[in-house]
Amino acid sequence: MAGEESNIHSFMKGFLIGGIIGAVTALLLAPKSGKELREELRRKGEETLDEVKHTYSETSSKIKAILDDALYRAEELKKEAQRHLSEARAKAKEILKEAEEKKAEASQKLD
């Protein structure tokens, strides 16, 4: 699970950096005045930041859903393991009781 989060964070960093580099490169190669260029850079930066925030929000929601599901499944497995353990204990007590009864019977026969 931690590996998936790391991959997502790496993707997000790459997405942000790639978007910024692409926007800056496109704007620098376009023939515009300094004021127009600065305004365009600001606007593209805001758009990219909004996209990153949106993607981060969606990804966070998906991660939360995955973690919630994993916790639910872990809890179900824990309950099942406890049930099996209880059954095994009951069976062991039954076997011990039968063994004690046989021991008592054998002891009476020897007397």
N, C-alpha and C. Protein backbone atom coordinates (compact mmCIF):
# COMPACT_ATOMS: atom_id res chain seq x y z
N MET A 1 0.82 -1.19 0.00
CA MET A 1 0.00 0.00 0.00
C MET A 1 0.86 1.25 0.00
N ALA A 2 1.95 1.23 0.80
CA ALA A 2 2.83 2.39 0.85
C ALA A 2 3.50 2.63 -0.50
N GLY A 3 3.77 1.55 -1.23
CA GLY A 3 4.38 1.69 -2.55
C GLY A 3 3.46 2.39 -3.52
N GLU A 4 2.16 2.11 -3.41
CA GLU A 4 1.20 2.78 -4.27
C GLU A 4 1.14 4.27 -3.97
N GLU A 5 1.17 4.63 -2.68
CA GLU A 5 1.15 6.04 -2.30
C GLU A 5 2.40 6.74 -2.82
N SER A 6 3.54 6.07 -2.74
CA SER A 6 4.79 6.65 -3.23
C SER A 6 4.70 6.89 -4.73
N ASN A 7 4.13 5.91 -5.44
CA ASN A 7 3.98 6.05 -6.89
C ASN A 7 3.05 7.21 -7.23
N ILE A 8 2.00 7.36 -6.46
CA ILE A 8 1.05 8.44 -6.70
C ILE A 8 1.72 9.79 -6.45
N HIS A 9 2.46 9.88 -5.35
CA HIS A 9 3.15 11.14 -5.05
C HIS A 9 4.19 11.45 -6.13
N SER A 10 4.91 10.45 -6.59
CA SER A 10 5.89 10.65 -7.65
C SER A 10 5.20 11.12 -8.93
N PHE A 11 4.06 10.51 -9.24
CA PHE A 11 3.30 10.92 -10.41
C PHE A 11 2.86 12.37 -10.29
N MET A 12 2.35 12.72 -9.11
CA MET A 12 1.87 14.08 -8.90
C MET A 12 3.01 15.09 -9.07
N LYS A 13 4.18 14.79 -8.53
CA LYS A 13 5.32 15.69 -8.68
C LYS A 13 5.69 15.82 -10.16
N GLY A 14 5.75 14.70 -10.85
CA GLY A 14 6.08 14.72 -12.27
C GLY A 14 5.04 15.47 -13.08
N PHE A 15 3.79 15.27 -12.74
CA PHE A 15 2.69 15.97 -13.42
C PHE A 15 2.83 17.48 -13.23
N LEU A 16 3.07 17.90 -12.02
CA LEU A 16 3.21 19.33 -11.72
C LEU A 16 4.42 19.92 -12.43
N ILE A 17 5.55 19.26 -12.29
CA ILE A 17 6.78 19.78 -12.91
C ILE A 17 6.64 19.80 -14.44
N GLY A 18 6.11 18.72 -15.00
CA GLY A 18 5.93 18.66 -16.45
C GLY A 18 4.98 19.73 -16.96
N GLY A 19 3.90 19.96 -16.21
CA GLY A 19 2.95 21.00 -16.60
C GLY A 19 3.57 22.38 -16.58
N ILE A 20 4.34 22.64 -15.54
CA ILE A 20 5.00 23.95 -15.43
C ILE A 20 6.03 24.14 -16.54
N ILE A 21 6.84 23.12 -16.75
CA ILE A 21 7.87 23.22 -17.80
C ILE A 21 7.22 23.40 -19.17
N GLY A 22 6.17 22.63 -19.44
CA GLY A 22 5.48 22.74 -20.72
C GLY A 22 4.87 24.12 -20.92
N ALA A 23 4.24 24.64 -19.86
CA ALA A 23 3.60 25.96 -19.96
C ALA A 23 4.65 27.05 -20.17
N VAL A 24 5.72 26.99 -19.40
CA VAL A 24 6.77 28.01 -19.52
C VAL A 24 7.41 27.95 -20.91
N THR A 25 7.72 26.75 -21.37
CA THR A 25 8.34 26.59 -22.69
C THR A 25 7.42 27.14 -23.79
N ALA A 26 6.15 26.79 -23.74
CA ALA A 26 5.21 27.27 -24.76
C ALA A 26 5.10 28.79 -24.73
N LEU A 27 5.06 29.33 -23.55
CA LEU A 27 4.92 30.77 -23.44
C LEU A 27 6.19 31.52 -23.86
N LEU A 28 7.34 30.97 -23.53
CA LEU A 28 8.59 31.62 -23.88
C LEU A 28 8.83 31.61 -25.39
N LEU A 29 8.32 30.61 -26.05
CA LEU A 29 8.51 30.51 -27.49
C LEU A 29 7.47 31.33 -28.27
N ALA A 30 6.43 31.77 -27.61
CA ALA A 30 5.40 32.56 -28.27
C ALA A 30 5.82 34.03 -28.29
N PRO A 31 5.56 34.73 -29.38
CA PRO A 31 5.95 36.15 -29.46
C PRO A 31 4.94 37.03 -28.71
N LYS A 32 5.27 37.39 -27.46
CA LYS A 32 4.41 38.24 -26.66
C LYS A 32 5.25 39.26 -25.92
N SER A 33 4.58 40.31 -25.47
CA SER A 33 5.29 41.31 -24.67
C SER A 33 5.54 40.76 -23.27
N GLY A 34 6.40 41.43 -22.52
CA GLY A 34 6.72 41.00 -21.17
C GLY A 34 5.50 40.94 -20.28
N LYS A 35 4.65 41.97 -20.36
CA LYS A 35 3.45 42.01 -19.54
C LYS A 35 2.51 40.86 -19.91
N GLU A 36 2.31 40.66 -21.21
CA GLU A 36 1.45 39.56 -21.66
C GLU A 36 2.03 38.22 -21.23
N LEU A 37 3.35 38.08 -21.36
CA LEU A 37 4.02 36.83 -21.00
C LEU A 37 3.85 36.54 -19.51
N ARG A 38 4.05 37.55 -18.67
CA ARG A 38 3.90 37.37 -17.23
C ARG A 38 2.46 37.00 -16.87
N GLU A 39 1.51 37.64 -17.50
CA GLU A 39 0.09 37.35 -17.24
C GLU A 39 -0.24 35.92 -17.67
N GLU A 40 0.25 35.56 -18.84
CA GLU A 40 0.02 34.19 -19.35
C GLU A 40 0.68 33.16 -18.43
N LEU A 41 1.89 33.43 -17.96
CA LEU A 41 2.57 32.52 -17.03
C LEU A 41 1.77 32.37 -15.74
N ARG A 42 1.29 33.49 -15.23
CA ARG A 42 0.50 33.46 -13.99
C ARG A 42 -0.77 32.63 -14.19
N ARG A 43 -1.46 32.89 -15.30
CA ARG A 43 -2.70 32.17 -15.58
C ARG A 43 -2.45 30.67 -15.75
N LYS A 44 -1.45 30.32 -16.53
CA LYS A 44 -1.12 28.90 -16.73
C LYS A 44 -0.71 28.25 -15.42
N GLY A 45 0.05 28.97 -14.61
CA GLY A 45 0.45 28.44 -13.31
C GLY A 45 -0.76 28.16 -12.43
N GLU A 46 -1.73 29.08 -12.42
CA GLU A 46 -2.95 28.89 -11.64
C GLU A 46 -3.76 27.70 -12.17
N GLU A 47 -3.84 27.60 -13.49
CA GLU A 47 -4.57 26.47 -14.08
C GLU A 47 -3.91 25.15 -13.71
N THR A 48 -2.59 25.11 -13.82
CA THR A 48 -1.87 23.89 -13.48
C THR A 48 -2.05 23.55 -12.01
N LEU A 49 -1.96 24.56 -11.15
CA LEU A 49 -2.15 24.33 -9.72
C LEU A 49 -3.56 23.82 -9.44
N ASP A 50 -4.56 24.38 -10.10
CA ASP A 50 -5.94 23.91 -9.92
C ASP A 50 -6.08 22.45 -10.36
N GLU A 51 -5.46 22.11 -11.49
CA GLU A 51 -5.51 20.73 -11.98
C GLU A 51 -4.84 19.79 -10.98
N VAL A 52 -3.69 20.19 -10.46
CA VAL A 52 -2.98 19.36 -9.49
C VAL A 52 -3.82 19.18 -8.22
N LYS A 53 -4.43 20.27 -7.75
CA LYS A 53 -5.28 20.17 -6.56
C LYS A 53 -6.45 19.22 -6.80
N HIS A 54 -7.05 19.32 -7.97
CA HIS A 54 -8.18 18.45 -8.31
C HIS A 54 -7.72 16.99 -8.37
N THR A 55 -6.62 16.75 -9.06
CA THR A 55 -6.10 15.39 -9.17
C THR A 55 -5.71 14.85 -7.80
N TYR A 56 -5.09 15.69 -6.97
CA TYR A 56 -4.70 15.27 -5.62
C TYR A 56 -5.94 14.92 -4.80
N SER A 57 -6.98 15.72 -4.92
CA SER A 57 -8.22 15.47 -4.19
C SER A 57 -8.83 14.13 -4.60
N GLU A 58 -8.91 13.90 -5.90
CA GLU A 58 -9.46 12.63 -6.41
C GLU A 58 -8.61 11.46 -5.93
N THR A 59 -7.29 11.60 -6.04
CA THR A 59 -6.38 10.53 -5.64
C THR A 59 -6.50 10.26 -4.15
N SER A 60 -6.58 11.31 -3.35
CA SER A 60 -6.73 11.15 -1.91
C SER A 60 -8.01 10.40 -1.58
N SER A 61 -9.08 10.72 -2.27
CA SER A 61 -10.36 10.03 -2.04
C SER A 61 -10.24 8.55 -2.38
N LYS A 62 -9.59 8.27 -3.50
CA LYS A 62 -9.42 6.87 -3.90
C LYS A 62 -8.54 6.12 -2.90
N ILE A 63 -7.48 6.75 -2.44
CA ILE A 63 -6.60 6.12 -1.46
C ILE A 63 -7.36 5.85 -0.17
N LYS A 64 -8.17 6.82 0.25
CA LYS A 64 -8.95 6.64 1.48
C LYS A 64 -9.90 5.46 1.33
N ALA A 65 -10.55 5.35 0.18
CA ALA A 65 -11.47 4.24 -0.06
C ALA A 65 -10.73 2.91 -0.02
N ILE A 66 -9.54 2.87 -0.62
CA ILE A 66 -8.74 1.65 -0.63
C ILE A 66 -8.32 1.28 0.79
N LEU A 67 -7.88 2.27 1.56
CA LEU A 67 -7.47 2.01 2.94
C LEU A 67 -8.64 1.56 3.79
N ASP A 68 -9.79 2.20 3.62
CA ASP A 68 -10.98 1.79 4.37
C ASP A 68 -11.36 0.35 4.06
N ASP A 69 -11.30 -0.01 2.78
CA ASP A 69 -11.60 -1.38 2.37
C ASP A 69 -10.59 -2.35 2.97
N ALA A 70 -9.32 -1.98 2.95
CA ALA A 70 -8.28 -2.85 3.51
C ALA A 70 -8.49 -3.03 5.02
N LEU A 71 -8.84 -1.96 5.72
CA LEU A 71 -9.09 -2.07 7.16
C LEU A 71 -10.31 -2.95 7.43
N TYR A 72 -11.34 -2.79 6.64
CA TYR A 72 -12.54 -3.64 6.80
C TYR A 72 -12.18 -5.11 6.59
N ARG A 73 -11.44 -5.38 5.53
CA ARG A 73 -11.05 -6.77 5.25
C ARG A 73 -10.16 -7.33 6.35
N ALA A 74 -9.25 -6.51 6.86
CA ALA A 74 -8.38 -6.95 7.94
C ALA A 74 -9.20 -7.28 9.19
N GLU A 75 -10.19 -6.47 9.47
CA GLU A 75 -11.05 -6.71 10.64
C GLU A 75 -11.85 -8.00 10.45
N GLU A 76 -12.35 -8.23 9.24
CA GLU A 76 -13.08 -9.46 8.96
C GLU A 76 -12.18 -10.68 9.11
N LEU A 77 -10.94 -10.57 8.62
CA LEU A 77 -9.99 -11.69 8.77
C LEU A 77 -9.67 -11.94 10.24
N LYS A 78 -9.55 -10.87 11.00
CA LYS A 78 -9.29 -11.00 12.43
C LYS A 78 -10.44 -11.73 13.12
N LYS A 79 -11.67 -11.35 12.80
CA LYS A 79 -12.84 -12.00 13.38
C LYS A 79 -12.88 -13.49 13.01
N GLU A 80 -12.57 -13.78 11.76
CA GLU A 80 -12.57 -15.18 11.31
C GLU A 80 -11.48 -15.97 12.02
N ALA A 81 -10.32 -15.37 12.18
CA ALA A 81 -9.23 -16.06 12.89
C ALA A 81 -9.61 -16.31 14.34
N GLN A 82 -10.26 -15.34 14.98
CA GLN A 82 -10.70 -15.53 16.36
C GLN A 82 -11.74 -16.64 16.46
N ARG A 83 -12.62 -16.70 15.49
CA ARG A 83 -13.63 -17.76 15.48
C ARG A 83 -12.98 -19.13 15.35
N HIS A 84 -12.00 -19.24 14.44
CA HIS A 84 -11.28 -20.51 14.27
C HIS A 84 -10.52 -20.87 15.54
N LEU A 85 -9.92 -19.88 16.17
CA LEU A 85 -9.18 -20.13 17.40
C LEU A 85 -10.12 -20.60 18.51
N SER A 86 -11.29 -20.00 18.62
CA SER A 86 -12.27 -20.42 19.62
C SER A 86 -12.72 -21.86 19.37
N GLU A 87 -12.96 -22.17 18.10
CA GLU A 87 -13.35 -23.54 17.75
C GLU A 87 -12.24 -24.53 18.08
N ALA A 88 -11.00 -24.17 17.80
CA ALA A 88 -9.87 -25.05 18.09
C ALA A 88 -9.71 -25.25 19.59
N ARG A 89 -9.90 -24.18 20.38
CA ARG A 89 -9.82 -24.31 21.83
C ARG A 89 -10.90 -25.24 22.36
N ALA A 90 -12.12 -25.06 21.85
CA ALA A 90 -13.23 -25.92 22.28
C ALA A 90 -12.95 -27.37 21.94
N LYS A 91 -12.43 -27.62 20.76
CA LYS A 91 -12.10 -28.98 20.34
C LYS A 91 -10.99 -29.55 21.22
N ALA A 92 -9.99 -28.74 21.54
CA ALA A 92 -8.89 -29.20 22.40
C ALA A 92 -9.41 -29.55 23.79
N LYS A 93 -10.31 -28.72 24.34
CA LYS A 93 -10.90 -29.01 25.66
C LYS A 93 -11.69 -30.31 25.62
N GLU A 94 -12.40 -30.52 24.52
CA GLU A 94 -13.18 -31.76 24.37
C GLU A 94 -12.26 -32.97 24.33
N ILE A 95 -11.17 -32.85 23.59
CA ILE A 95 -10.22 -33.96 23.48
C ILE A 95 -9.57 -34.23 24.84
N LEU A 96 -9.20 -33.18 25.57
CA LEU A 96 -8.60 -33.35 26.90
C LEU A 96 -9.60 -34.00 27.87
N LYS A 97 -10.85 -33.58 27.79
CA LYS A 97 -11.87 -34.15 28.67
C LYS A 97 -12.03 -35.64 28.38
N GLU A 98 -12.09 -36.01 27.08
CA GLU A 98 -12.21 -37.42 26.71
C GLU A 98 -10.99 -38.20 27.18
N ALA A 99 -9.81 -37.60 27.07
CA ALA A 99 -8.59 -38.28 27.51
C ALA A 99 -8.61 -38.49 29.02
N GLU A 100 -9.08 -37.52 29.77
CA GLU A 100 -9.16 -37.66 31.23
C GLU A 100 -10.17 -38.74 31.62
N GLU A 101 -11.28 -38.78 30.88
CA GLU A 101 -12.29 -39.80 31.15
C GLU A 101 -11.71 -41.20 30.90
N LYS A 102 -10.98 -41.35 29.80
CA LYS A 102 -10.37 -42.65 29.48
C LYS A 102 -9.31 -43.01 30.51
N LYS A 103 -8.59 -42.02 30.97
CA LYS A 103 -7.57 -42.24 31.99
C LYS A 103 -8.23 -42.73 33.27
N ALA A 104 -9.36 -42.07 33.63
CA ALA A 104 -10.07 -42.46 34.85
C ALA A 104 -10.63 -43.87 34.70
N GLU A 105 -11.16 -44.22 33.53
CA GLU A 105 -11.68 -45.56 33.28
C GLU A 105 -10.55 -46.59 33.40
N ALA A 106 -9.42 -46.29 32.81
CA ALA A 106 -8.28 -47.22 32.84
C ALA A 106 -7.79 -47.37 34.27
N SER A 107 -7.79 -46.30 35.02
CA SER A 107 -7.34 -46.32 36.42
C SER A 107 -8.28 -47.18 37.25
N GLN A 108 -9.61 -47.09 36.98
CA GLN A 108 -10.58 -47.90 37.72
C GLN A 108 -10.43 -49.37 37.39
N LYS A 109 -10.12 -49.68 36.16
CA LYS A 109 -9.96 -51.07 35.74
C LYS A 109 -8.72 -51.68 36.40
N LEU A 110 -7.72 -50.88 36.63
CA LEU A 110 -6.49 -51.37 37.25
C LEU A 110 -6.68 -51.61 38.75
N ASP A 111 -7.60 -50.92 39.35
CA ASP A 111 -7.83 -51.07 40.81
C ASP A 111 -8.58 -52.31 41.12
